[in-house]
Amino acid sequence: MKITVLIAEDDSDMRHVIKKVVEEVEGVRVIGEAGNGLEAIKLIKELSPQVAFLDIDLPGKNGVELAREIFDINPWTFIVFATAFSEFRGEAFDVYAFDYIVKPFKMNRVRQTIDRIKMVLSGKVTDKTKSYIKNTNKKVSRKQFFKNDNKLVYLNLDDIIYVTKEGRKSTIYFIGGQIRTNEKLSILEEQLAGYPFFRSHSGFIVNLKMVKELIPAGRSSYELVMENTKNRPLITVEKFKELEELSNYRASKSS
């Protein structure tokens, strides 16, 4: 499995160091380098790297702004901040950074981060939380229309696996296919309001009945292993806690 990496760093010597360390890890390749935020976002759109190493203090567009745009383009991108500014750690994890490495750092620290990303991508992470959603007797069986370009698609809500933001559009993944729509996630969230649909992340709405297990994906989020797809939507730690509270409430009401 090849892992592709982009490095956004205005110091060319530091870019060289990060690239050298990253490419020493088997199966990892740097496919793009950028010296400023504007160049970086252009390369992200062109190359679609799986991992982005970002400095905070980038000309043109700082690292936090860049991370937000990367998330809008592809929320599955692993964001790793490598910076001398420790005070932006909170903002970094607000945009779902996988890791935050403060300069000067030991090269082994970068290797450890890449190794953890490899484990997440390969599904070999051992710290798993399984079957976290409590069973319910409530059944949802209804259909709705969804806009798809200049036509309407009539979907059974039970068949919807998850919904995500991809670029300027939203994609609805369902059993047997997917459709893209211009509707914002906030509009789709209203359309899908109520169990079993849950806004697990700023970029995802998931069908809780399709969730099989959680896998840690950095310090601030988990990946959701779903039925009927190999894709893995995200859920933040905060949303997981909210879901636990809702699940406990539902269990107490049904007992």
C-alpha atoms as a PDB file:
ATOM      1  CA  MET A   1       0.000   0.000   0.000  1.00  0.00           C
ATOM      2  CA  LYS A   2       1.524   3.310  -1.136  1.00  0.00           C
ATOM      3  CA  ILE A   3       0.889   6.357   1.047  1.00  0.00           C
ATOM      4  CA  THR A   4       1.166   9.708  -0.712  1.00  0.00           C
ATOM      5  CA  VAL A   5       2.325  12.830   1.096  1.00  0.00           C
ATOM      6  CA  LEU A   6       2.357  16.572   0.431  1.00  0.00           C
ATOM      7  CA  ILE A   7       4.634  18.918   2.387  1.00  0.00           C
ATOM      8  CA  ALA A   8       3.727  22.604   2.830  1.00  0.00           C
ATOM      9  CA  GLU A   9       6.706  24.398   4.406  1.00  0.00           C
ATOM     10  CA  ASP A  10       8.262  27.738   3.463  1.00  0.00           C
ATOM     11  CA  ASP A  11      11.747  26.710   4.651  1.00  0.00           C
ATOM     12  CA  SER A  12      13.281  24.683   1.809  1.00  0.00           C
ATOM     13  CA  ASP A  13      15.837  23.043   4.119  1.00  0.00           C
ATOM     14  CA  MET A  14      13.067  21.856   6.460  1.00  0.00           C
ATOM     15  CA  ARG A  15      11.055  20.571   3.485  1.00  0.00           C
ATOM     16  CA  HIS A  16      14.085  18.537   2.452  1.00  0.00           C
ATOM     17  CA  VAL A  17      14.508  17.112   5.964  1.00  0.00           C
ATOM     18  CA  ILE A  18      10.832  16.132   6.302  1.00  0.00           C
ATOM     19  CA  LYS A  19      10.814  14.590   2.842  1.00  0.00           C
ATOM     20  CA  LYS A  20      13.942  12.551   3.586  1.00  0.00           C
ATOM     21  CA  VAL A  21      12.539  11.207   6.861  1.00  0.00           C
ATOM     22  CA  VAL A  22       9.074  10.489   5.431  1.00  0.00           C
ATOM     23  CA  GLU A  23      10.396   8.613   2.412  1.00  0.00           C
ATOM     24  CA  GLU A  24      12.593   6.441   4.628  1.00  0.00           C
ATOM     25  CA  VAL A  25       9.375   4.760   5.757  1.00  0.00           C
ATOM     26  CA  GLU A  26       8.549   1.858   3.461  1.00  0.00           C
ATOM     27  CA  GLY A  27       5.584   2.444   1.182  1.00  0.00           C
ATOM     28  CA  VAL A  28       5.518   6.248   1.591  1.00  0.00           C
ATOM     29  CA  ARG A  29       6.161   8.733  -1.200  1.00  0.00           C
ATOM     30  CA  VAL A  30       6.193  12.551  -1.245  1.00  0.00           C
ATOM     31  CA  ILE A  31       4.262  13.618  -4.355  1.00  0.00           C
ATOM     32  CA  GLY A  32       4.224  17.373  -3.816  1.00  0.00           C
ATOM     33  CA  GLU A  33       6.025  20.231  -2.069  1.00  0.00           C
ATOM     34  CA  ALA A  34       4.792  23.776  -1.550  1.00  0.00           C
ATOM     35  CA  GLY A  35       6.445  26.878  -0.139  1.00  0.00           C
ATOM     36  CA  ASN A  36       3.231  28.762   0.582  1.00  0.00           C
ATOM     37  CA  GLY A  37      -0.428  28.130   1.360  1.00  0.00           C
ATOM     38  CA  LEU A  38      -1.780  29.109  -2.053  1.00  0.00           C
ATOM     39  CA  GLU A  39       0.571  26.756  -3.861  1.00  0.00           C
ATOM     40  CA  ALA A  40      -0.272  24.021  -1.373  1.00  0.00           C
ATOM     41  CA  ILE A  41      -4.039  24.189  -1.926  1.00  0.00           C
ATOM     42  CA  LYS A  42      -3.486  24.053  -5.692  1.00  0.00           C
ATOM     43  CA  LEU A  43      -1.383  20.893  -5.317  1.00  0.00           C
ATOM     44  CA  ILE A  44      -3.932  19.343  -2.944  1.00  0.00           C
ATOM     45  CA  LYS A  45      -6.617  19.702  -5.627  1.00  0.00           C
ATOM     46  CA  GLU A  46      -4.340  18.341  -8.354  1.00  0.00           C
ATOM     47  CA  LEU A  47      -2.634  15.485  -6.510  1.00  0.00           C
ATOM     48  CA  SER A  48      -5.086  14.386  -3.759  1.00  0.00           C
ATOM     49  CA  PRO A  49      -2.409  13.267  -1.262  1.00  0.00           C
ATOM     50  CA  GLN A  50      -3.456  11.036   1.616  1.00  0.00           C
ATOM     51  CA  VAL A  51      -1.272  12.932   4.105  1.00  0.00           C
ATOM     52  CA  ALA A  52      -0.427  16.646   4.343  1.00  0.00           C
ATOM     53  CA  PHE A  53       2.421  17.947   6.497  1.00  0.00           C
ATOM     54  CA  LEU A  54       1.726  21.627   7.194  1.00  0.00           C
ATOM     55  CA  ASP A  55       3.642  24.443   8.819  1.00  0.00           C
ATOM     56  CA  ILE A  56       1.521  27.035  10.642  1.00  0.00           C
ATOM     57  CA  ASP A  57       3.376  30.149   9.509  1.00  0.00           C
ATOM     58  CA  LEU A  58       2.920  29.843   5.755  1.00  0.00           C
ATOM     59  CA  PRO A  59       2.866  32.842   3.421  1.00  0.00           C
ATOM     60  CA  GLY A  60      -0.327  33.433   1.473  1.00  0.00           C
ATOM     61  CA  LYS A  61      -2.498  31.213   3.672  1.00  0.00           C
ATOM     62  CA  ASN A  62      -1.575  29.980   7.141  1.00  0.00           C
ATOM     63  CA  GLY A  63      -1.593  26.318   8.079  1.00  0.00           C
ATOM     64  CA  VAL A  64      -4.880  26.359   9.991  1.00  0.00           C
ATOM     65  CA  GLU A  65      -6.708  28.078   7.104  1.00  0.00           C
ATOM     66  CA  LEU A  66      -5.080  25.623   4.725  1.00  0.00           C
ATOM     67  CA  ALA A  67      -6.211  22.660   6.840  1.00  0.00           C
ATOM     68  CA  ARG A  68      -9.820  23.883   6.745  1.00  0.00           C
ATOM     69  CA  GLU A  69      -9.718  24.099   2.945  1.00  0.00           C
ATOM     70  CA  ILE A  70      -8.119  20.663   2.673  1.00  0.00           C
ATOM     71  CA  PHE A  71     -10.909  19.254   4.807  1.00  0.00           C
ATOM     72  CA  ASP A  72     -13.513  20.828   2.499  1.00  0.00           C
ATOM     73  CA  ILE A  73     -11.828  19.165  -0.472  1.00  0.00           C
ATOM     74  CA  ASN A  74     -11.285  15.764   1.145  1.00  0.00           C
ATOM     75  CA  PRO A  75     -12.119  15.169   4.828  1.00  0.00           C
ATOM     76  CA  TRP A  76     -10.168  11.884   4.805  1.00  0.00           C
ATOM     77  CA  THR A  77      -6.824  13.640   4.353  1.00  0.00           C
ATOM     78  CA  PHE A  78      -4.509  13.103   7.335  1.00  0.00           C
ATOM     79  CA  ILE A  79      -3.372  16.535   8.506  1.00  0.00           C
ATOM     80  CA  VAL A  80      -0.061  16.654  10.388  1.00  0.00           C
ATOM     81  CA  PHE A  81       1.180  19.995  11.651  1.00  0.00           C
ATOM     82  CA  ALA A  82       4.976  20.333  11.898  1.00  0.00           C
ATOM     83  CA  THR A  83       5.615  23.788  13.295  1.00  0.00           C
ATOM     84  CA  ALA A  84       7.554  25.903  15.766  1.00  0.00           C
ATOM     85  CA  PHE A  85       4.318  27.412  17.142  1.00  0.00           C
ATOM     86  CA  SER A  86       3.024  25.317  20.024  1.00  0.00           C
ATOM     87  CA  GLU A  87       0.246  27.814  20.861  1.00  0.00           C
ATOM     88  CA  PHE A  88      -1.856  26.800  17.825  1.00  0.00           C
ATOM     89  CA  ARG A  89      -2.330  23.230  19.026  1.00  0.00           C
ATOM     90  CA  GLY A  90      -5.969  23.814  20.038  1.00  0.00           C
ATOM     91  CA  GLU A  91      -6.887  25.350  16.680  1.00  0.00           C
ATOM     92  CA  ALA A  92      -5.114  22.515  14.899  1.00  0.00           C
ATOM     93  CA  PHE A  93      -7.199  19.832  16.564  1.00  0.00           C
ATOM     94  CA  ASP A  94     -10.330  21.913  15.956  1.00  0.00           C
ATOM     95  CA  VAL A  95      -9.733  21.194  12.261  1.00  0.00           C
ATOM     96  CA  TYR A  96      -9.253  17.470  13.050  1.00  0.00           C
ATOM     97  CA  ALA A  97      -5.484  17.284  12.770  1.00  0.00           C
ATOM     98  CA  PHE A  98      -4.089  13.774  13.116  1.00  0.00           C
ATOM     99  CA  ASP A  99      -0.968  15.014  14.898  1.00  0.00           C
ATOM    100  CA  TYR A 100       0.834  18.190  15.965  1.00  0.00           C
ATOM    101  CA  ILE A 101       4.639  18.068  16.023  1.00  0.00           C
ATOM    102  CA  VAL A 102       6.535  21.009  17.504  1.00  0.00           C
ATOM    103  CA  LYS A 103       9.939  22.033  16.119  1.00  0.00           C
ATOM    104  CA  PRO A 104      12.686  21.269  16.811  1.00  0.00           C
ATOM    105  CA  PHE A 105      11.595  17.653  16.756  1.00  0.00           C
ATOM    106  CA  LYS A 106      13.419  14.364  16.570  1.00  0.00           C
ATOM    107  CA  MET A 107      13.174  12.601  13.244  1.00  0.00           C
ATOM    108  CA  ASN A 108      11.867   9.492  14.948  1.00  0.00           C
ATOM    109  CA  ARG A 109       8.808  11.533  15.989  1.00  0.00           C
ATOM    110  CA  VAL A 110       7.883  12.000  12.327  1.00  0.00           C
ATOM    111  CA  ARG A 111       8.425   8.299  11.614  1.00  0.00           C
ATOM    112  CA  GLN A 112       6.117   7.367  14.491  1.00  0.00           C
ATOM    113  CA  THR A 113       3.369   9.569  13.064  1.00  0.00           C
ATOM    114  CA  ILE A 114       3.692   8.014   9.614  1.00  0.00           C
ATOM    115  CA  ASP A 115       3.685   4.522  11.130  1.00  0.00           C
ATOM    116  CA  ARG A 116       0.448   5.319  13.009  1.00  0.00           C
ATOM    117  CA  ILE A 117      -1.149   6.591   9.802  1.00  0.00           C
ATOM    118  CA  LYS A 118      -0.129   3.376   8.049  1.00  0.00           C
ATOM    119  CA  MET A 119      -1.758   1.340  10.801  1.00  0.00           C
ATOM    120  CA  VAL A 120      -4.995   3.312  10.569  1.00  0.00           C
ATOM    121  CA  LEU A 121      -5.102   2.957   6.782  1.00  0.00           C
ATOM    122  CA  SER A 122      -4.390  -0.761   6.947  1.00  0.00           C
ATOM    123  CA  GLY A 123      -6.967  -1.342   9.691  1.00  0.00           C
ATOM    124  CA  LYS A 124      -4.337  -2.822  12.017  1.00  0.00           C
ATOM    125  CA  VAL A 125      -4.941  -0.439  14.912  1.00  0.00           C
ATOM    126  CA  THR A 126      -5.480  -2.646  17.965  1.00  0.00           C
ATOM    127  CA  ASP A 127      -7.286  -0.172  20.245  1.00  0.00           C
ATOM    128  CA  LYS A 128     -10.793  -0.664  18.915  1.00  0.00           C
ATOM    129  CA  THR A 129     -14.157   0.099  20.477  1.00  0.00           C
ATOM    130  CA  LYS A 130     -16.733  -2.312  19.092  1.00  0.00           C
ATOM    131  CA  SER A 131     -20.471  -2.321  19.039  1.00  0.00           C
ATOM    132  CA  TYR A 132     -20.842   1.005  20.855  1.00  0.00           C
ATOM    133  CA  ILE A 133     -24.362   1.729  19.658  1.00  0.00           C
ATOM    134  CA  LYS A 134     -27.132   0.129  21.664  1.00  0.00           C
ATOM    135  CA  ASN A 135     -29.821  -1.828  19.875  1.00  0.00           C
ATOM    136  CA  THR A 136     -33.195  -0.240  19.418  1.00  0.00           C
ATOM    137  CA  ASN A 137     -36.599  -1.541  18.415  1.00  0.00           C
ATOM    138  CA  LYS A 138     -37.453   1.616  16.525  1.00  0.00           C
ATOM    139  CA  LYS A 139     -37.693   1.013  12.792  1.00  0.00           C
ATOM    140  CA  VAL A 140     -37.544   3.661  10.106  1.00  0.00           C
ATOM    141  CA  SER A 141     -39.091   2.854   6.767  1.00  0.00           C
ATOM    142  CA  ARG A 142     -39.700   5.838   4.546  1.00  0.00           C
ATOM    143  CA  LYS A 143     -38.499   7.256   1.257  1.00  0.00           C
ATOM    144  CA  GLN A 144     -37.520  10.770   0.235  1.00  0.00           C
ATOM    145  CA  PHE A 145     -36.548  12.672  -2.884  1.00  0.00           C
ATOM    146  CA  PHE A 146     -33.022  14.048  -3.193  1.00  0.00           C
ATOM    147  CA  LYS A 147     -31.819  16.528  -5.809  1.00  0.00           C
ATOM    148  CA  ASN A 148     -29.235  15.154  -8.207  1.00  0.00           C
ATOM    149  CA  ASP A 149     -28.312  17.809 -10.809  1.00  0.00           C
ATOM    150  CA  ASN A 150     -31.583  18.517 -12.692  1.00  0.00           C
ATOM    151  CA  LYS A 151     -33.426  15.419 -11.539  1.00  0.00           C
ATOM    152  CA  LEU A 152     -34.801  13.958  -8.325  1.00  0.00           C
ATOM    153  CA  VAL A 153     -33.776  10.561  -6.976  1.00  0.00           C
ATOM    154  CA  TYR A 154     -36.204   8.686  -4.727  1.00  0.00           C
ATOM    155  CA  LEU A 155     -34.212   6.896  -2.013  1.00  0.00           C
ATOM    156  CA  ASN A 156     -35.197   4.537   0.764  1.00  0.00           C
ATOM    157  CA  LEU A 157     -33.704   6.103   3.895  1.00  0.00           C
ATOM    158  CA  ASP A 158     -32.908   2.659   5.301  1.00  0.00           C
ATOM    159  CA  ASP A 159     -30.483   2.211   2.395  1.00  0.00           C
ATOM    160  CA  ILE A 160     -28.473   5.393   3.074  1.00  0.00           C
ATOM    161  CA  ILE A 161     -25.087   4.572   4.631  1.00  0.00           C
ATOM    162  CA  TYR A 162     -23.676   8.056   5.139  1.00  0.00           C
ATOM    163  CA  VAL A 163     -23.523  11.528   3.642  1.00  0.00           C
ATOM    164  CA  THR A 164     -20.374  13.623   3.255  1.00  0.00           C
ATOM    165  CA  LYS A 165     -19.120  16.908   1.861  1.00  0.00           C
ATOM    166  CA  GLU A 166     -16.862  16.505  -1.167  1.00  0.00           C
ATOM    167  CA  GLY A 167     -15.652  19.781  -2.615  1.00  0.00           C
ATOM    168  CA  ARG A 168     -18.575  22.099  -3.226  1.00  0.00           C
ATOM    169  CA  LYS A 169     -21.104  19.261  -3.344  1.00  0.00           C
ATOM    170  CA  SER A 170     -22.449  16.655  -0.957  1.00  0.00           C
ATOM    171  CA  THR A 171     -22.434  12.947  -1.735  1.00  0.00           C
ATOM    172  CA  ILE A 172     -25.047  10.517  -0.457  1.00  0.00           C
ATOM    173  CA  TYR A 173     -23.718   6.972  -0.251  1.00  0.00           C
ATOM    174  CA  PHE A 174     -26.394   4.285  -0.230  1.00  0.00           C
ATOM    175  CA  ILE A 175     -26.517   0.527  -0.732  1.00  0.00           C
ATOM    176  CA  GLY A 176     -25.725  -0.011  -4.373  1.00  0.00           C
ATOM    177  CA  GLY A 177     -24.540   3.439  -5.330  1.00  0.00           C
ATOM    178  CA  GLN A 178     -24.121   7.121  -4.643  1.00  0.00           C
ATOM    179  CA  ILE A 179     -25.501  10.457  -5.803  1.00  0.00           C
ATOM    180  CA  ARG A 180     -24.028  13.957  -5.690  1.00  0.00           C
ATOM    181  CA  THR A 181     -26.111  16.969  -4.842  1.00  0.00           C
ATOM    182  CA  ASN A 182     -25.623  20.718  -4.515  1.00  0.00           C
ATOM    183  CA  GLU A 183     -27.475  20.681  -1.194  1.00  0.00           C
ATOM    184  CA  LYS A 184     -25.358  21.660   1.818  1.00  0.00           C
ATOM    185  CA  LEU A 185     -24.858  19.168   4.618  1.00  0.00           C
ATOM    186  CA  SER A 186     -26.874  21.397   6.939  1.00  0.00           C
ATOM    187  CA  ILE A 187     -29.868  21.106   4.581  1.00  0.00           C
ATOM    188  CA  LEU A 188     -29.467  17.339   4.281  1.00  0.00           C
ATOM    189  CA  GLU A 189     -29.129  17.081   8.059  1.00  0.00           C
ATOM    190  CA  GLU A 190     -32.546  18.729   8.401  1.00  0.00           C
ATOM    191  CA  GLN A 191     -33.970  16.447   5.725  1.00  0.00           C
ATOM    192  CA  LEU A 192     -32.633  13.382   7.570  1.00  0.00           C
ATOM    193  CA  ALA A 193     -33.422  14.672  11.060  1.00  0.00           C
ATOM    194  CA  GLY A 194     -33.980  12.021  13.726  1.00  0.00           C
ATOM    195  CA  TYR A 195     -32.771   8.515  14.457  1.00  0.00           C
ATOM    196  CA  PRO A 196     -30.940   6.681  12.918  1.00  0.00           C
ATOM    197  CA  PHE A 197     -29.119   9.611  11.278  1.00  0.00           C
ATOM    198  CA  PHE A 198     -26.464  11.414  13.306  1.00  0.00           C
ATOM    199  CA  ARG A 199     -24.153  14.343  12.487  1.00  0.00           C
ATOM    200  CA  SER A 200     -20.936  12.676  13.591  1.00  0.00           C
ATOM    201  CA  HIS A 201     -18.573  15.341  12.298  1.00  0.00           C
ATOM    202  CA  SER A 202     -18.700  18.679  10.466  1.00  0.00           C
ATOM    203  CA  GLY A 203     -18.213  16.707   7.247  1.00  0.00           C
ATOM    204  CA  PHE A 204     -20.347  13.617   7.843  1.00  0.00           C
ATOM    205  CA  ILE A 205     -23.888  12.436   8.585  1.00  0.00           C
ATOM    206  CA  VAL A 206     -24.038   8.707   9.299  1.00  0.00           C
ATOM    207  CA  ASN A 207     -26.714   6.053   9.548  1.00  0.00           C
ATOM    208  CA  LEU A 208     -26.131   4.603  13.022  1.00  0.00           C
ATOM    209  CA  LYS A 209     -27.698   1.288  12.008  1.00  0.00           C
ATOM    210  CA  MET A 210     -24.831   0.822   9.532  1.00  0.00           C
ATOM    211  CA  VAL A 211     -22.026   1.349  12.069  1.00  0.00           C
ATOM    212  CA  LYS A 212     -20.033  -1.749  13.048  1.00  0.00           C
ATOM    213  CA  GLU A 213     -17.094  -0.371  15.051  1.00  0.00           C
ATOM    214  CA  LEU A 214     -14.801   2.598  15.742  1.00  0.00           C
ATOM    215  CA  ILE A 215     -11.089   2.850  15.079  1.00  0.00           C
ATOM    216  CA  PRO A 216      -8.971   5.675  16.572  1.00  0.00           C
ATOM    217  CA  ALA A 217      -7.764   8.117  13.901  1.00  0.00           C
ATOM    218  CA  GLY A 218      -5.624  10.612  15.767  1.00  0.00           C
ATOM    219  CA  ARG A 219      -6.276  12.420  19.012  1.00  0.00           C
ATOM    220  CA  SER A 220      -9.554  14.088  18.136  1.00  0.00           C
ATOM    221  CA  SER A 221     -11.536  11.628  16.029  1.00  0.00           C
ATOM    222  CA  TYR A 222     -12.377   8.020  15.174  1.00  0.00           C
ATOM    223  CA  GLU A 223     -13.030   6.263  11.906  1.00  0.00           C
ATOM    224  CA  LEU A 224     -16.376   4.486  11.623  1.00  0.00           C
ATOM    225  CA  VAL A 225     -16.341   1.039  10.068  1.00  0.00           C
ATOM    226  CA  MET A 226     -19.648   0.783   8.210  1.00  0.00           C
ATOM    227  CA  GLU A 227     -21.696  -1.965   6.662  1.00  0.00           C
ATOM    228  CA  ASN A 228     -22.049  -2.011   2.859  1.00  0.00           C
ATOM    229  CA  THR A 229     -18.982   0.171   2.174  1.00  0.00           C
ATOM    230  CA  LYS A 230     -15.210   0.139   2.606  1.00  0.00           C
ATOM    231  CA  ASN A 231     -15.203   3.905   3.178  1.00  0.00           C
ATOM    232  CA  ARG A 232     -14.812   5.103   6.742  1.00  0.00           C
ATOM    233  CA  PRO A 233     -16.603   8.280   7.807  1.00  0.00           C
ATOM    234  CA  LEU A 234     -15.284  10.193  10.821  1.00  0.00           C
ATOM    235  CA  ILE A 235     -16.720  10.916  14.246  1.00  0.00           C
ATOM    236  CA  THR A 236     -15.103  13.428  16.591  1.00  0.00           C
ATOM    237  CA  VAL A 237     -14.386  12.634  20.223  1.00  0.00           C
ATOM    238  CA  GLU A 238     -16.952  15.262  21.247  1.00  0.00           C
ATOM    239  CA  LYS A 239     -19.629  13.767  19.008  1.00  0.00           C
ATOM    240  CA  PHE A 240     -18.837  10.277  20.275  1.00  0.00           C
ATOM    241  CA  LYS A 241     -19.432  11.484  23.845  1.00  0.00           C
ATOM    242  CA  GLU A 242     -22.703  13.062  22.705  1.00  0.00           C
ATOM    243  CA  LEU A 243     -23.707   9.793  21.070  1.00  0.00           C
ATOM    244  CA  GLU A 244     -22.899   7.831  24.213  1.00  0.00           C
ATOM    245  CA  GLU A 245     -25.161  10.144  26.214  1.00  0.00           C
ATOM    246  CA  LEU A 246     -27.966   9.735  23.667  1.00  0.00           C
ATOM    247  CA  SER A 247     -27.528   5.958  23.663  1.00  0.00           C
ATOM    248  CA  ASN A 248     -27.658   5.803  27.455  1.00  0.00           C
ATOM    249  CA  TYR A 249     -30.756   7.994  27.451  1.00  0.00           C
ATOM    250  CA  ARG A 250     -32.472   5.779  24.871  1.00  0.00           C
ATOM    251  CA  ALA A 251     -31.570   2.675  26.886  1.00  0.00           C
ATOM    252  CA  SER A 252     -32.983   4.145  30.107  1.00  0.00           C
ATOM    253  CA  LYS A 253     -36.206   5.128  28.343  1.00  0.00           C
ATOM    254  CA  SER A 254     -36.693   1.657  26.889  1.00  0.00           C
ATOM    255  CA  SER A 255     -35.935  -0.226  30.139  1.00  0.00           C
END
